[in-house]
N, C-alpha and C. Protein backbone atom coordinates (compact mmCIF):
# COMPACT_ATOMS: atom_id res chain seq x y z
N PHE A 1 -14.02 -5.62 -3.63
CA PHE A 1 -15.03 -6.28 -2.84
C PHE A 1 -14.43 -6.88 -1.58
N PHE A 2 -13.30 -7.57 -1.74
CA PHE A 2 -12.69 -8.24 -0.59
C PHE A 2 -12.13 -7.25 0.43
N LEU A 3 -11.62 -6.11 -0.04
CA LEU A 3 -11.19 -5.08 0.91
C LEU A 3 -12.37 -4.54 1.71
N GLY A 4 -13.48 -4.34 1.05
CA GLY A 4 -14.69 -3.90 1.74
C GLY A 4 -15.21 -4.94 2.70
N LEU A 5 -15.14 -6.20 2.31
CA LEU A 5 -15.56 -7.28 3.19
C LEU A 5 -14.65 -7.36 4.41
N LEU A 6 -13.36 -7.15 4.20
CA LEU A 6 -12.41 -7.14 5.32
C LEU A 6 -12.72 -5.98 6.27
N ALA A 7 -13.06 -4.82 5.71
CA ALA A 7 -13.44 -3.67 6.56
C ALA A 7 -14.73 -3.97 7.32
N ASP A 8 -15.67 -4.67 6.67
CA ASP A 8 -16.91 -5.04 7.36
C ASP A 8 -16.65 -6.02 8.49
N PHE A 9 -15.78 -7.00 8.25
CA PHE A 9 -15.45 -7.96 9.32
C PHE A 9 -14.73 -7.27 10.47
N SER A 10 -13.94 -6.24 10.16
CA SER A 10 -13.22 -5.52 11.21
C SER A 10 -14.15 -4.69 12.08
N SER A 11 -15.21 -4.16 11.50
CA SER A 11 -16.12 -3.32 12.26
C SER A 11 -17.08 -4.13 13.12
N VAL A 12 -17.38 -5.34 12.73
CA VAL A 12 -18.25 -6.27 13.47
C VAL A 12 -19.63 -5.65 13.71
N VAL A 13 -20.06 -4.74 12.87
CA VAL A 13 -21.38 -4.15 13.03
C VAL A 13 -22.33 -4.75 12.00
N LEU A 14 -22.04 -4.53 10.74
CA LEU A 14 -22.82 -5.08 9.64
C LEU A 14 -21.87 -5.68 8.62
N ILE A 15 -22.30 -6.72 7.97
CA ILE A 15 -21.49 -7.34 6.93
C ILE A 15 -22.08 -6.92 5.58
N GLY A 16 -21.30 -6.19 4.79
CA GLY A 16 -21.74 -5.84 3.46
C GLY A 16 -21.69 -4.39 3.04
N PRO A 17 -21.89 -3.40 3.93
CA PRO A 17 -21.93 -2.02 3.46
C PRO A 17 -20.62 -1.53 2.83
N TRP A 18 -19.48 -1.81 3.45
CA TRP A 18 -18.21 -1.37 2.86
C TRP A 18 -17.93 -2.13 1.58
N ALA A 19 -18.27 -3.42 1.53
CA ALA A 19 -18.06 -4.19 0.31
C ALA A 19 -18.88 -3.60 -0.83
N ALA A 20 -20.12 -3.26 -0.56
CA ALA A 20 -20.97 -2.66 -1.59
C ALA A 20 -20.43 -1.29 -2.02
N ALA A 21 -19.98 -0.50 -1.06
CA ALA A 21 -19.44 0.82 -1.38
C ALA A 21 -18.19 0.71 -2.24
N PHE A 22 -17.31 -0.24 -1.92
CA PHE A 22 -16.08 -0.39 -2.70
C PHE A 22 -16.36 -0.92 -4.10
N VAL A 23 -17.38 -1.76 -4.26
CA VAL A 23 -17.75 -2.24 -5.59
C VAL A 23 -18.27 -1.09 -6.44
N VAL A 24 -19.10 -0.23 -5.86
CA VAL A 24 -19.63 0.92 -6.61
C VAL A 24 -18.50 1.87 -6.99
N VAL A 25 -17.58 2.13 -6.08
CA VAL A 25 -16.44 3.01 -6.39
C VAL A 25 -15.59 2.40 -7.50
N PHE A 26 -15.35 1.09 -7.44
CA PHE A 26 -14.58 0.43 -8.49
C PHE A 26 -15.28 0.57 -9.84
N LEU A 27 -16.60 0.39 -9.87
CA LEU A 27 -17.33 0.51 -11.13
C LEU A 27 -17.25 1.93 -11.69
N VAL A 28 -17.38 2.92 -10.83
CA VAL A 28 -17.32 4.31 -11.30
C VAL A 28 -15.92 4.64 -11.81
N VAL A 29 -14.90 4.24 -11.07
CA VAL A 29 -13.53 4.52 -11.51
C VAL A 29 -13.22 3.78 -12.80
N SER A 30 -13.67 2.55 -12.94
CA SER A 30 -13.39 1.82 -14.17
C SER A 30 -14.14 2.41 -15.36
N LEU A 31 -15.31 2.97 -15.14
CA LEU A 31 -16.03 3.63 -16.23
C LEU A 31 -15.31 4.89 -16.71
N PHE A 32 -14.72 5.63 -15.77
CA PHE A 32 -14.03 6.87 -16.12
C PHE A 32 -12.56 6.69 -16.43
N SER A 33 -12.02 5.51 -16.21
CA SER A 33 -10.57 5.33 -16.39
C SER A 33 -10.14 5.46 -17.85
N GLN A 34 -11.03 5.24 -18.77
CA GLN A 34 -10.68 5.41 -20.18
C GLN A 34 -10.65 6.88 -20.58
N LYS A 35 -11.32 7.73 -19.80
CA LYS A 35 -11.42 9.14 -20.15
C LYS A 35 -10.53 10.04 -19.30
N LEU A 36 -10.13 9.58 -18.11
CA LEU A 36 -9.30 10.37 -17.22
C LEU A 36 -7.92 9.74 -17.10
N PHE A 37 -6.92 10.59 -17.04
CA PHE A 37 -5.56 10.13 -16.80
C PHE A 37 -5.18 10.55 -15.39
N TYR A 38 -4.77 9.61 -14.58
CA TYR A 38 -4.50 9.86 -13.18
C TYR A 38 -3.06 10.30 -12.94
N ASP A 39 -2.34 10.66 -13.99
CA ASP A 39 -0.96 11.11 -13.83
C ASP A 39 -0.88 12.48 -13.18
N SER A 40 -1.90 13.28 -13.36
CA SER A 40 -1.93 14.62 -12.78
C SER A 40 -2.25 14.53 -11.29
N GLY A 41 -1.52 15.29 -10.49
CA GLY A 41 -1.79 15.31 -9.06
C GLY A 41 -3.15 15.88 -8.73
N PHE A 42 -3.57 16.89 -9.51
CA PHE A 42 -4.88 17.49 -9.29
C PHE A 42 -5.99 16.51 -9.59
N THR A 43 -5.85 15.73 -10.66
CA THR A 43 -6.84 14.72 -11.01
C THR A 43 -6.93 13.65 -9.94
N ALA A 44 -5.78 13.22 -9.43
CA ALA A 44 -5.77 12.22 -8.36
C ALA A 44 -6.46 12.78 -7.12
N PHE A 45 -6.21 14.05 -6.80
CA PHE A 45 -6.85 14.68 -5.65
C PHE A 45 -8.37 14.67 -5.80
N ILE A 46 -8.85 15.12 -6.95
CA ILE A 46 -10.30 15.21 -7.18
C ILE A 46 -10.95 13.82 -7.17
N VAL A 47 -10.33 12.86 -7.85
CA VAL A 47 -10.91 11.52 -7.94
C VAL A 47 -10.98 10.88 -6.56
N VAL A 48 -9.92 10.97 -5.79
CA VAL A 48 -9.91 10.36 -4.45
C VAL A 48 -10.90 11.08 -3.54
N PHE A 49 -10.98 12.39 -3.63
CA PHE A 49 -11.93 13.14 -2.81
C PHE A 49 -13.37 12.72 -3.10
N VAL A 50 -13.73 12.69 -4.37
CA VAL A 50 -15.10 12.36 -4.75
C VAL A 50 -15.42 10.90 -4.45
N MET A 51 -14.49 9.99 -4.73
CA MET A 51 -14.76 8.57 -4.49
C MET A 51 -14.81 8.24 -3.00
N THR A 52 -14.04 8.95 -2.17
CA THR A 52 -14.13 8.75 -0.73
C THR A 52 -15.47 9.23 -0.21
N LEU A 53 -15.93 10.38 -0.70
CA LEU A 53 -17.27 10.84 -0.32
C LEU A 53 -18.35 9.87 -0.77
N LEU A 54 -18.22 9.34 -1.98
CA LEU A 54 -19.20 8.38 -2.50
C LEU A 54 -19.23 7.11 -1.66
N ALA A 55 -18.06 6.54 -1.38
CA ALA A 55 -17.99 5.30 -0.60
C ALA A 55 -18.53 5.50 0.81
N SER A 56 -18.16 6.59 1.44
CA SER A 56 -18.62 6.85 2.81
C SER A 56 -20.12 7.11 2.84
N SER A 57 -20.63 7.78 1.83
CA SER A 57 -22.07 8.04 1.77
C SER A 57 -22.86 6.75 1.56
N ILE A 58 -22.36 5.89 0.71
CA ILE A 58 -23.03 4.60 0.50
C ILE A 58 -23.02 3.78 1.79
N TYR A 59 -21.87 3.75 2.45
CA TYR A 59 -21.76 3.02 3.71
C TYR A 59 -22.74 3.56 4.74
N LEU A 60 -22.76 4.88 4.92
CA LEU A 60 -23.67 5.47 5.90
C LEU A 60 -25.13 5.25 5.53
N GLY A 61 -25.44 5.36 4.25
CA GLY A 61 -26.82 5.11 3.81
C GLY A 61 -27.27 3.69 4.12
N LEU A 62 -26.40 2.73 3.88
CA LEU A 62 -26.75 1.35 4.18
C LEU A 62 -26.78 1.09 5.69
N GLU A 63 -25.87 1.70 6.41
CA GLU A 63 -25.85 1.50 7.86
C GLU A 63 -27.05 2.14 8.54
N LEU A 64 -27.47 3.30 8.07
CA LEU A 64 -28.61 3.98 8.68
C LEU A 64 -29.92 3.22 8.47
N GLN A 65 -29.98 2.35 7.48
CA GLN A 65 -31.19 1.56 7.28
C GLN A 65 -31.36 0.50 8.35
N PHE A 66 -30.27 0.06 8.96
CA PHE A 66 -30.34 -1.04 9.91
C PHE A 66 -29.98 -0.65 11.34
N LYS A 67 -29.41 0.52 11.52
CA LYS A 67 -28.90 0.90 12.83
C LYS A 67 -29.13 2.38 13.05
N LYS A 68 -29.51 2.74 14.25
CA LYS A 68 -29.69 4.15 14.59
C LYS A 68 -28.35 4.71 15.08
N ILE A 69 -27.97 5.86 14.53
CA ILE A 69 -26.73 6.52 14.92
C ILE A 69 -27.09 7.71 15.80
N ASP A 70 -26.38 7.85 16.91
CA ASP A 70 -26.70 8.90 17.88
C ASP A 70 -26.08 10.25 17.56
N THR A 71 -25.14 10.32 16.63
CA THR A 71 -24.51 11.59 16.31
C THR A 71 -25.35 12.36 15.30
N SER A 72 -25.12 13.65 15.23
CA SER A 72 -25.90 14.49 14.32
C SER A 72 -25.37 14.39 12.89
N ILE A 73 -26.20 14.78 11.96
CA ILE A 73 -25.83 14.77 10.54
C ILE A 73 -24.68 15.75 10.30
N LEU A 74 -24.65 16.86 11.02
CA LEU A 74 -23.57 17.83 10.86
C LEU A 74 -22.23 17.24 11.26
N ASP A 75 -22.21 16.50 12.36
CA ASP A 75 -20.97 15.83 12.78
C ASP A 75 -20.54 14.79 11.76
N LEU A 76 -21.49 14.02 11.24
CA LEU A 76 -21.16 13.00 10.25
C LEU A 76 -20.63 13.62 8.97
N SER A 77 -21.27 14.67 8.50
CA SER A 77 -20.83 15.29 7.25
C SER A 77 -19.47 15.96 7.40
N SER A 78 -19.23 16.57 8.55
CA SER A 78 -17.91 17.21 8.74
C SER A 78 -16.81 16.16 8.80
N SER A 79 -17.06 15.03 9.43
CA SER A 79 -16.04 13.98 9.47
C SER A 79 -15.87 13.33 8.10
N LEU A 80 -16.96 13.24 7.32
CA LEU A 80 -16.86 12.70 5.96
C LEU A 80 -15.97 13.58 5.09
N PHE A 81 -16.20 14.89 5.14
CA PHE A 81 -15.41 15.80 4.33
C PHE A 81 -13.96 15.87 4.79
N LEU A 82 -13.74 15.80 6.09
CA LEU A 82 -12.37 15.81 6.60
C LEU A 82 -11.62 14.55 6.17
N GLU A 83 -12.26 13.40 6.28
CA GLU A 83 -11.64 12.14 5.85
C GLU A 83 -11.34 12.17 4.35
N ALA A 84 -12.30 12.65 3.56
CA ALA A 84 -12.09 12.72 2.12
C ALA A 84 -10.97 13.69 1.76
N PHE A 85 -10.90 14.81 2.46
CA PHE A 85 -9.86 15.81 2.17
C PHE A 85 -8.48 15.28 2.52
N ILE A 86 -8.35 14.63 3.67
CA ILE A 86 -7.04 14.09 4.06
C ILE A 86 -6.60 12.98 3.11
N SER A 87 -7.53 12.11 2.74
CA SER A 87 -7.20 11.06 1.78
C SER A 87 -6.77 11.65 0.44
N ALA A 88 -7.48 12.69 0.00
CA ALA A 88 -7.16 13.32 -1.28
C ALA A 88 -5.83 14.06 -1.23
N CYS A 89 -5.46 14.59 -0.08
CA CYS A 89 -4.17 15.27 0.04
C CYS A 89 -3.01 14.31 -0.10
N PHE A 90 -3.16 13.09 0.39
CA PHE A 90 -2.09 12.11 0.31
C PHE A 90 -2.06 11.36 -1.02
N ALA A 91 -3.15 11.37 -1.77
CA ALA A 91 -3.22 10.62 -3.02
C ALA A 91 -2.16 11.04 -4.04
N PRO A 92 -1.94 12.34 -4.30
CA PRO A 92 -0.91 12.70 -5.28
C PRO A 92 0.50 12.29 -4.86
N LEU A 93 0.70 12.11 -3.56
CA LEU A 93 2.01 11.68 -3.09
C LEU A 93 2.19 10.16 -3.22
N ILE A 94 1.11 9.42 -3.09
CA ILE A 94 1.17 7.96 -3.09
C ILE A 94 1.06 7.38 -4.49
N PHE A 95 0.27 7.99 -5.36
CA PHE A 95 0.03 7.43 -6.70
C PHE A 95 1.31 7.20 -7.51
N PRO A 96 2.29 8.13 -7.52
CA PRO A 96 3.52 7.85 -8.30
C PRO A 96 4.28 6.62 -7.79
N PHE A 97 4.36 6.48 -6.47
CA PHE A 97 5.05 5.31 -5.91
C PHE A 97 4.29 4.02 -6.21
N LEU A 98 2.99 4.08 -6.13
CA LEU A 98 2.16 2.92 -6.43
C LEU A 98 2.27 2.54 -7.90
N GLY A 99 2.30 3.53 -8.79
CA GLY A 99 2.47 3.26 -10.21
C GLY A 99 3.81 2.64 -10.52
N GLU A 100 4.85 3.13 -9.87
CA GLU A 100 6.19 2.57 -10.07
C GLU A 100 6.26 1.14 -9.55
N PHE A 101 5.69 0.90 -8.39
CA PHE A 101 5.69 -0.45 -7.81
C PHE A 101 4.93 -1.43 -8.71
N LEU A 102 3.77 -1.01 -9.19
CA LEU A 102 2.97 -1.91 -10.04
C LEU A 102 3.64 -2.15 -11.39
N SER A 103 4.31 -1.12 -11.92
CA SER A 103 4.98 -1.32 -13.20
C SER A 103 6.17 -2.28 -13.06
N ARG A 104 6.87 -2.23 -11.96
CA ARG A 104 7.96 -3.17 -11.72
C ARG A 104 7.43 -4.57 -11.43
N ARG A 105 6.35 -4.62 -10.70
CA ARG A 105 5.79 -5.92 -10.29
C ARG A 105 5.23 -6.68 -11.49
N PHE A 106 4.54 -5.98 -12.36
CA PHE A 106 3.87 -6.65 -13.49
C PHE A 106 4.56 -6.41 -14.82
N GLY A 107 5.70 -5.75 -14.81
CA GLY A 107 6.51 -5.59 -16.02
C GLY A 107 5.96 -4.61 -17.04
N GLN A 108 5.12 -3.69 -16.61
CA GLN A 108 4.59 -2.71 -17.54
C GLN A 108 5.45 -1.45 -17.49
N VAL A 109 5.47 -0.73 -18.57
CA VAL A 109 6.23 0.50 -18.63
C VAL A 109 5.36 1.62 -18.09
N SER A 110 5.83 2.31 -17.05
CA SER A 110 5.06 3.42 -16.50
C SER A 110 5.41 4.70 -17.23
N LYS A 111 4.47 5.55 -17.37
CA LYS A 111 4.65 6.82 -18.08
C LYS A 111 4.30 7.95 -17.18
């Protein structure tokens, strides 16, 4: 929530859409975290790709209710997919380092 609120304060357009999007993404990931193991690079790619699309779609849906956007839907969707794809490509590279850092920080054994 606070990361989304920080993103909203940085954009200075609307307060709340990114916070709401990040809360929904957190809820979805926490619901599936018992059933999915993020150790696989492919799983990390798919989860980050889908969750980035979900968060961006929620943000755009909320923003379009209050503000008119001059760009076309095709431009928006292509940038959404490109952003999600780039984020998903870097996720398998970042997740192992993040897991190692968190395991050292909080004293948990990483597997």
